[in-house]
Amino acid sequence: MIYGCKRTATVTSMKYSTLAILKKEHYKEILIEFPDLQNQLKKSIYQYKDRMKRFIINSILKIEYF
């Protein structure tokens, strides 16, 4: 919904979780009330770095080039 594309991930819970569903039409209503929310969400998504992503980036940075 945030980027207007198809789903690109699957999430699997390792422990007990609570799931919530937000329909696209409700998301659009929220954006009318809070117009800057979408930009804040995009910024948070871009800045998020999980352990695997940090490991991959750090590993790539250690590779020496000619």
Protein backbone atom coordinates (compact mmCIF):
# COMPACT_ATOMS: atom_id res chain seq x y z
CA MET A 1 0.00 0.00 0.00
CA ILE A 2 2.76 2.42 0.87
CA TYR A 3 4.56 2.08 -2.47
CA GLY A 4 1.58 1.01 -4.56
CA CYS A 5 3.15 -2.30 -5.60
CA LYS A 6 2.41 -5.97 -5.07
CA ARG A 7 3.36 -7.65 -1.81
CA THR A 8 7.09 -8.28 -1.72
CA ALA A 9 7.57 -10.18 1.55
CA THR A 10 6.22 -12.94 3.70
CA VAL A 11 6.41 -12.70 7.47
CA THR A 12 6.61 -15.73 9.73
CA SER A 13 6.20 -15.33 13.47
CA MET A 14 8.55 -17.26 15.75
CA LYS A 15 6.42 -16.53 18.85
CA TYR A 16 2.85 -15.66 19.73
CA SER A 17 1.69 -12.65 17.68
CA THR A 18 -1.31 -10.48 17.11
CA LEU A 19 -2.23 -9.78 13.51
CA ALA A 20 -4.06 -6.70 12.29
CA ILE A 21 -5.44 -6.02 8.84
CA LEU A 22 -5.58 -2.58 7.27
CA LYS A 23 -7.60 -2.36 4.07
CA LYS A 24 -6.41 -0.04 1.32
CA GLU A 25 -9.51 2.16 1.53
CA HIS A 26 -8.96 2.66 5.28
CA TYR A 27 -5.30 3.43 4.69
CA LYS A 28 -6.31 6.15 2.22
CA GLU A 29 -8.72 7.61 4.79
CA ILE A 30 -5.90 7.74 7.35
CA LEU A 31 -3.70 9.57 4.84
CA ILE A 32 -6.38 12.22 4.40
CA GLU A 33 -6.31 12.85 8.15
CA PHE A 34 -2.49 12.56 8.41
CA PRO A 35 -1.03 13.60 5.02
CA ASP A 36 2.63 13.32 6.11
CA LEU A 37 2.23 9.76 7.41
CA GLN A 38 3.13 8.08 4.11
CA ASN A 39 6.42 9.98 3.86
CA GLN A 40 7.25 9.11 7.47
CA LEU A 41 6.54 5.43 6.83
CA LYS A 42 8.73 5.42 3.71
CA LYS A 43 11.56 7.09 5.63
CA SER A 44 11.30 4.50 8.43
CA ILE A 45 11.26 1.60 5.96
CA TYR A 46 14.34 2.97 4.17
CA GLN A 47 16.26 3.39 7.44
CA TYR A 48 15.36 -0.05 8.85
CA LYS A 49 18.30 -2.41 8.97
CA ASP A 50 17.93 -5.93 10.27
CA ARG A 51 20.85 -8.10 11.39
CA MET A 52 21.15 -9.98 8.10
CA LYS A 53 21.14 -6.79 6.05
CA ARG A 54 23.86 -5.27 8.29
CA PHE A 55 25.92 -8.46 7.97
CA ILE A 56 25.66 -8.47 4.18
CA ILE A 57 26.55 -4.79 3.87
CA ASN A 58 29.50 -5.12 6.25
CA SER A 59 30.74 -8.21 4.39
CA ILE A 60 30.57 -6.46 1.04
CA LEU A 61 32.42 -3.44 2.40
CA LYS A 62 35.32 -5.69 3.47
CA ILE A 63 35.93 -6.93 -0.08
CA GLU A 64 39.07 -5.40 -1.52
CA TYR A 65 38.94 -4.06 -5.04
CA PHE A 66 41.77 -3.64 -7.53
